[in-house]
């Protein structure tokens, strides 16, 4: 199983940042860059709403070992990136602006995008724009219709103030709450735990994101979020990944995405469902990584 193997751990990223302008002024967007900087192919990997870029360490190292340049940002307010000046500033527009600034920094004409959950949403927004640099888009458990019930579940989690006495407690919590990530190994759960929390100044640990992010979920979401107007503008090849037990992305939505929109009309939409996981597949398993690598590296 390709999980934090020694030959992958030997591959180290460069840790960088770029200044992004937005409401409240400039803020630093942190990112990790793996692989050769002048590689023929660049892949950007973007994480979910409460996560950070370290979730992609195994996938990024694996792609980098194939000669791919992989860029993995921490979205604003997560990981090493600065918190925004106000909880109200965590908007789709702010995320797209941050990613656009990062893409400009990369100095490439085209790139591939792997996005988990919120990272998939941002990927759809970027890919739907005229003149987009996105060559291929991988949506990990995200699509054109998003379950309101799943968003309420995520919101209830984000609006709580979690504190832990140790990394062991963080790991036990993640194993329970993020069980839908799939059947991860002990090493993989430990990796996620170590990079999911930081000291809060009192000797305890808190999650490694701005608690203000949860403010967007303060008002319960009653209706499914419909994004067909975005999907219908995407013209690049798309691979939709779904966890077999996902409560956020319905199988019926994936079926509709395979038939609707310009990408589907061109025969450029494919879908893969991963067993034994829900929202969202962790993309740390060898089989899952192989699916992504084969899709991105096969012309």
Protein backbone atom coordinates (compact mmCIF):
# COMPACT_ATOMS: atom_id res chain seq x y z
CA UNK A 1 0.00 0.00 0.00
CA UNK A 2 1.41 3.37 -1.00
CA UNK A 3 1.07 5.12 2.35
CA UNK A 4 3.86 7.35 3.48
CA UNK A 5 6.39 4.91 2.04
CA UNK A 6 10.06 5.71 2.54
CA UNK A 7 10.70 6.51 -1.13
CA UNK A 8 7.82 8.99 -1.12
CA UNK A 9 8.79 10.51 2.22
CA UNK A 10 12.22 11.20 0.73
CA UNK A 11 10.56 13.67 -1.66
CA UNK A 12 10.24 17.02 0.09
CA UNK A 13 8.33 20.11 -1.04
CA UNK A 14 9.45 23.71 -1.02
CA UNK A 15 7.30 25.80 1.31
CA UNK A 16 6.38 29.14 -0.22
CA UNK A 17 3.81 31.90 -0.01
CA UNK A 18 2.29 34.59 -2.20
CA UNK A 19 0.61 37.86 -1.21
CA UNK A 20 -3.05 38.10 -2.22
CA UNK A 21 -5.11 41.30 -2.24
CA UNK A 22 -8.65 41.15 -0.95
CA UNK A 23 -11.14 42.76 1.39
CA UNK A 24 -9.19 43.94 4.42
CA UNK A 25 -5.90 44.27 2.54
CA UNK A 26 -3.17 41.81 1.59
CA UNK A 27 -2.87 38.39 3.16
CA UNK A 28 -0.32 35.61 2.76
CA UNK A 29 -1.38 32.45 0.97
CA UNK A 30 0.91 29.55 1.82
CA UNK A 31 1.59 26.69 -0.56
CA UNK A 32 3.87 23.71 -0.97
CA UNK A 33 5.56 23.01 -4.28
CA UNK A 34 6.60 19.46 -5.11
CA UNK A 35 8.63 18.10 -8.01
CA UNK A 36 10.64 19.84 -10.71
CA UNK A 37 9.70 23.53 -11.11
CA UNK A 38 10.07 23.36 -14.91
CA UNK A 39 8.06 20.17 -15.34
CA UNK A 40 5.98 19.71 -18.47
CA UNK A 41 2.84 19.28 -16.34
CA UNK A 42 1.62 21.18 -13.28
CA UNK A 43 -1.09 19.90 -10.95
CA UNK A 44 -2.80 22.05 -8.31
CA UNK A 45 -4.44 20.19 -5.39
CA UNK A 46 -6.98 22.03 -3.23
CA UNK A 47 -8.37 20.69 0.05
CA UNK A 48 -11.76 20.72 1.79
CA UNK A 49 -13.37 23.34 4.00
CA UNK A 50 -11.85 22.38 7.37
CA UNK A 51 -8.68 20.73 6.10
CA UNK A 52 -5.30 21.92 4.81
CA UNK A 53 -2.81 21.08 2.09
CA UNK A 54 -1.02 18.38 4.09
CA UNK A 55 -3.93 16.07 3.22
CA UNK A 56 -2.33 15.74 -0.24
CA UNK A 57 1.20 14.81 0.88
CA UNK A 58 1.02 11.23 -0.40
CA UNK A 59 -0.65 12.09 -3.72
CA UNK A 60 1.70 15.04 -4.27
CA UNK A 61 4.81 12.99 -3.52
CA UNK A 62 3.60 10.22 -5.82
CA UNK A 63 2.95 12.62 -8.70
CA UNK A 64 6.26 14.37 -8.09
CA UNK A 65 8.03 11.01 -8.33
CA UNK A 66 6.60 10.83 -11.87
CA UNK A 67 8.19 14.15 -12.80
CA UNK A 68 5.09 16.27 -12.22
CA UNK A 69 5.15 19.69 -10.58
CA UNK A 70 2.52 19.69 -7.83
CA UNK A 71 1.36 22.84 -6.07
CA UNK A 72 -0.70 22.47 -2.89
CA UNK A 73 -2.05 25.62 -1.23
CA UNK A 74 -3.54 26.08 2.20
CA UNK A 75 -6.75 27.98 1.51
CA UNK A 76 -7.07 31.35 3.29
CA UNK A 77 -7.57 30.84 7.02
CA UNK A 78 -6.21 27.29 6.99
CA UNK A 79 -2.83 25.77 7.77
CA UNK A 80 0.07 28.15 7.21
CA UNK A 81 -2.05 30.72 5.35
CA UNK A 82 -3.09 33.89 7.15
CA UNK A 83 -6.56 34.32 8.56
CA UNK A 84 -8.71 36.90 6.78
CA UNK A 85 -9.66 40.11 8.55
CA UNK A 86 -13.30 39.13 9.04
CA UNK A 87 -15.31 35.88 8.95
CA UNK A 88 -17.43 37.56 6.28
CA UNK A 89 -14.43 37.59 3.95
CA UNK A 90 -14.39 33.80 3.48
CA UNK A 91 -16.31 33.80 0.22
CA UNK A 92 -16.12 32.03 -3.12
CA UNK A 93 -14.81 35.25 -4.64
CA UNK A 94 -11.98 35.41 -2.08
CA UNK A 95 -10.99 31.81 -2.79
CA UNK A 96 -11.03 32.29 -6.57
CA UNK A 97 -8.99 35.49 -6.21
CA UNK A 98 -6.43 33.67 -4.08
CA UNK A 99 -6.16 30.79 -6.54
CA UNK A 100 -5.91 33.18 -9.49
CA UNK A 101 -3.01 34.96 -7.81
CA UNK A 102 -1.31 31.64 -7.13
CA UNK A 103 -1.80 30.49 -10.73
CA UNK A 104 -0.27 33.75 -11.99
CA UNK A 105 2.74 33.08 -9.75
CA UNK A 106 3.21 29.64 -11.32
CA UNK A 107 3.77 31.09 -14.82
CA UNK A 108 2.12 28.22 -16.69
CA UNK A 109 -0.36 28.33 -19.53
CA UNK A 110 -2.19 25.17 -18.43
CA UNK A 111 -2.57 23.13 -15.29
CA UNK A 112 -4.60 20.24 -13.94
CA UNK A 113 -6.77 20.66 -10.84
CA UNK A 114 -7.57 18.11 -8.13
CA UNK A 115 -10.13 19.44 -5.67
CA UNK A 116 -11.69 17.76 -2.64
CA UNK A 117 -15.11 19.05 -1.61
CA UNK A 118 -14.67 22.85 -1.30
CA UNK A 119 -11.52 22.49 -3.38
CA UNK A 120 -13.69 20.91 -6.07
CA UNK A 121 -16.16 23.79 -5.87
CA UNK A 122 -13.37 26.32 -6.36
CA UNK A 123 -12.04 24.20 -9.22
CA UNK A 124 -15.43 24.29 -10.92
CA UNK A 125 -15.55 28.07 -10.56
CA UNK A 126 -12.06 28.50 -12.04
CA UNK A 127 -12.67 25.98 -14.84
CA UNK A 128 -15.95 27.66 -15.83
CA UNK A 129 -14.30 31.02 -16.58
CA UNK A 130 -13.51 32.11 -20.13
CA UNK A 131 -9.86 31.49 -20.95
CA UNK A 132 -9.38 29.21 -17.94
CA UNK A 133 -5.94 27.60 -17.58
CA UNK A 134 -7.50 24.38 -16.26
CA UNK A 135 -6.68 21.56 -18.69
CA UNK A 136 -8.26 18.69 -16.71
CA UNK A 137 -10.42 18.85 -13.60
CA UNK A 138 -10.70 16.15 -10.93
CA UNK A 139 -13.65 16.62 -8.56
CA UNK A 140 -13.28 14.56 -5.39
CA UNK A 141 -16.78 14.03 -4.00
CA UNK A 142 -18.20 17.28 -5.29
CA UNK A 143 -20.53 18.09 -8.14
CA UNK A 144 -23.31 20.18 -9.60
CA UNK A 145 -25.80 19.49 -6.79
CA UNK A 146 -24.75 19.45 -3.13
CA UNK A 147 -26.85 17.96 -0.35
CA UNK A 148 -28.24 20.46 2.17
CA UNK A 149 -28.27 17.75 4.85
CA UNK A 150 -24.55 17.13 4.36
CA UNK A 151 -23.82 20.85 4.51
CA UNK A 152 -25.77 21.13 7.76
CA UNK A 153 -23.70 18.26 9.18
CA UNK A 154 -20.47 20.00 8.15
CA UNK A 155 -21.75 23.31 9.52
CA UNK A 156 -22.57 21.86 12.92
CA UNK A 157 -19.01 20.57 13.10
CA UNK A 158 -17.37 23.83 12.05
CA UNK A 159 -19.34 25.99 14.49
CA UNK A 160 -18.14 24.04 17.54
CA UNK A 161 -15.00 24.95 19.46
CA UNK A 162 -12.92 21.80 19.68
CA UNK A 163 -9.97 21.46 22.08
CA UNK A 164 -7.69 18.47 22.65
CA UNK A 165 -5.12 17.56 25.27
CA UNK A 166 -2.85 15.63 22.91
CA UNK A 167 -2.27 14.48 19.35
CA UNK A 168 -3.66 11.11 20.48
CA UNK A 169 -6.97 12.81 21.28
CA UNK A 170 -6.93 14.57 17.91
CA UNK A 171 -6.36 11.26 16.15
CA UNK A 172 -9.15 9.51 18.05
CA UNK A 173 -11.49 12.36 17.14
CA UNK A 174 -10.55 12.28 13.46
CA UNK A 175 -10.97 8.50 13.29
CA UNK A 176 -14.55 8.92 14.49
CA UNK A 177 -15.66 12.10 12.75
CA UNK A 178 -13.82 11.47 9.48
CA UNK A 179 -14.43 7.74 9.25
CA UNK A 180 -15.95 8.40 5.78
CA UNK A 181 -12.41 9.24 4.58
CA UNK A 182 -12.03 5.46 4.20
CA UNK A 183 -10.00 2.62 5.64
CA UNK A 184 -6.82 4.47 6.43
CA UNK A 185 -3.78 2.93 8.08
CA UNK A 186 -2.54 3.90 11.53
CA UNK A 187 0.27 5.90 9.89
CA UNK A 188 -2.18 7.79 7.70
CA UNK A 189 -4.48 8.71 10.60
CA UNK A 190 -1.42 9.84 12.57
CA UNK A 191 -0.27 11.97 9.65
CA UNK A 192 -3.66 13.69 9.44
CA UNK A 193 -3.77 14.20 13.22
CA UNK A 194 -0.33 15.79 13.39
CA UNK A 195 -1.19 18.30 10.70
CA UNK A 196 -4.79 19.00 11.72
CA UNK A 197 -4.14 20.81 15.01
CA UNK A 198 -1.84 23.39 16.59
CA UNK A 199 -1.33 24.70 20.12
CA UNK A 200 -3.88 27.28 21.21
CA UNK A 201 -1.61 29.14 23.65
CA UNK A 202 -2.98 27.40 26.74
CA UNK A 203 -1.19 24.09 26.31
CA UNK A 204 -4.09 22.49 24.48
CA UNK A 205 -4.60 21.86 20.77
CA UNK A 206 -7.13 23.41 18.41
CA UNK A 207 -7.85 22.73 14.77
CA UNK A 208 -5.52 24.41 12.29
CA UNK A 209 -8.07 26.80 10.79
CA UNK A 210 -9.76 30.09 11.62
CA UNK A 211 -12.93 29.36 13.65
CA UNK A 212 -14.50 32.29 11.81
CA UNK A 213 -14.85 30.00 8.79
CA UNK A 214 -17.78 28.34 10.54
CA UNK A 215 -19.71 31.63 10.59
CA UNK A 216 -20.89 30.99 7.04
CA UNK A 217 -22.75 27.97 8.39
CA UNK A 218 -24.41 29.84 11.29
CA UNK A 219 -27.68 29.97 9.34
CA UNK A 220 -28.87 26.41 8.58
CA UNK A 221 -28.89 25.49 4.89
CA UNK A 222 -32.37 24.22 4.07
CA UNK A 223 -32.13 23.56 0.34
CA UNK A 224 -29.62 21.68 -1.77
CA UNK A 225 -27.03 23.93 -3.41
CA UNK A 226 -27.57 23.88 -7.17
CA UNK A 227 -24.50 24.56 -9.32
CA UNK A 228 -25.66 23.50 -12.78
CA UNK A 229 -25.17 27.06 -14.03
CA UNK A 230 -21.46 26.63 -13.32
CA UNK A 231 -21.22 23.06 -14.60
CA UNK A 232 -22.84 24.08 -17.89
CA UNK A 233 -19.89 26.43 -18.59
CA UNK A 234 -17.13 23.87 -18.06
CA UNK A 235 -15.60 22.69 -21.34
CA UNK A 236 -12.52 20.78 -20.19
CA UNK A 237 -12.26 17.04 -19.43
CA UNK A 238 -13.55 16.18 -15.95
CA UNK A 239 -13.13 13.14 -13.72
CA UNK A 240 -15.73 12.89 -10.94
CA UNK A 241 -14.71 10.80 -7.93
CA UNK A 242 -17.37 9.70 -5.45
CA UNK A 243 -17.25 7.89 -2.16
CA UNK A 244 -19.67 4.98 -2.32
CA UNK A 245 -21.46 6.14 0.85
CA UNK A 246 -21.19 9.89 0.26
CA UNK A 247 -23.95 11.98 1.82
CA UNK A 248 -22.86 15.11 -0.08
CA UNK A 249 -22.71 13.95 -3.70
CA UNK A 250 -25.60 11.76 -4.82
CA UNK A 251 -25.04 9.06 -7.42
CA UNK A 252 -27.95 10.57 -9.40
CA UNK A 253 -26.04 13.87 -9.60
CA UNK A 254 -22.99 12.10 -10.99
CA UNK A 255 -25.18 10.32 -13.54
CA UNK A 256 -26.62 13.67 -14.64
CA UNK A 257 -23.14 15.21 -14.91
CA UNK A 258 -22.16 12.41 -17.27
CA UNK A 259 -24.93 13.50 -19.64
CA UNK A 260 -25.29 17.26 -19.24
CA UNK A 261 -23.12 20.19 -20.28
CA UNK A 262 -20.52 20.85 -22.99
CA UNK A 263 -17.86 18.60 -21.43
CA UNK A 264 -20.30 15.68 -21.34
CA UNK A 265 -21.45 16.40 -24.90
CA UNK A 266 -17.83 16.12 -26.02
CA UNK A 267 -17.47 12.79 -24.19
CA UNK A 268 -15.02 14.32 -21.72
CA UNK A 269 -16.69 13.43 -18.40
CA UNK A 270 -15.82 10.23 -16.56
CA UNK A 271 -16.70 8.99 -13.09
CA UNK A 272 -15.22 6.54 -10.59
CA UNK A 273 -16.83 5.43 -7.35
CA UNK A 274 -14.57 4.31 -4.51
CA UNK A 275 -15.86 1.60 -2.15
CA UNK A 276 -15.67 1.66 1.65
CA UNK A 277 -15.73 5.44 2.01
CA UNK A 278 -18.12 8.38 1.99
CA UNK A 279 -17.43 12.12 1.98
CA UNK A 280 -14.72 12.43 1.03
CA UNK A 281 -12.19 9.81 -0.12
CA UNK A 282 -8.83 10.67 1.48
CA UNK A 283 -6.87 10.01 -1.74
CA UNK A 284 -4.11 8.36 0.30
CA UNK A 285 -4.83 4.83 -0.86
CA UNK A 286 -2.72 3.37 -3.67
CA UNK A 287 -5.75 2.44 -5.76
CA UNK A 288 -7.22 5.94 -5.49
CA UNK A 289 -3.89 7.56 -6.34
CA UNK A 290 -3.48 5.28 -9.36
CA UNK A 291 -6.88 6.37 -10.71
CA UNK A 292 -5.86 10.03 -10.51
CA UNK A 293 -2.36 9.49 -11.92
CA UNK A 294 -3.63 7.41 -14.83
CA UNK A 295 -6.20 10.08 -15.65
CA UNK A 296 -3.81 13.03 -15.47
CA UNK A 297 -0.74 11.42 -17.04
CA UNK A 298 -2.42 9.57 -19.90
CA UNK A 299 -3.06 11.74 -22.95
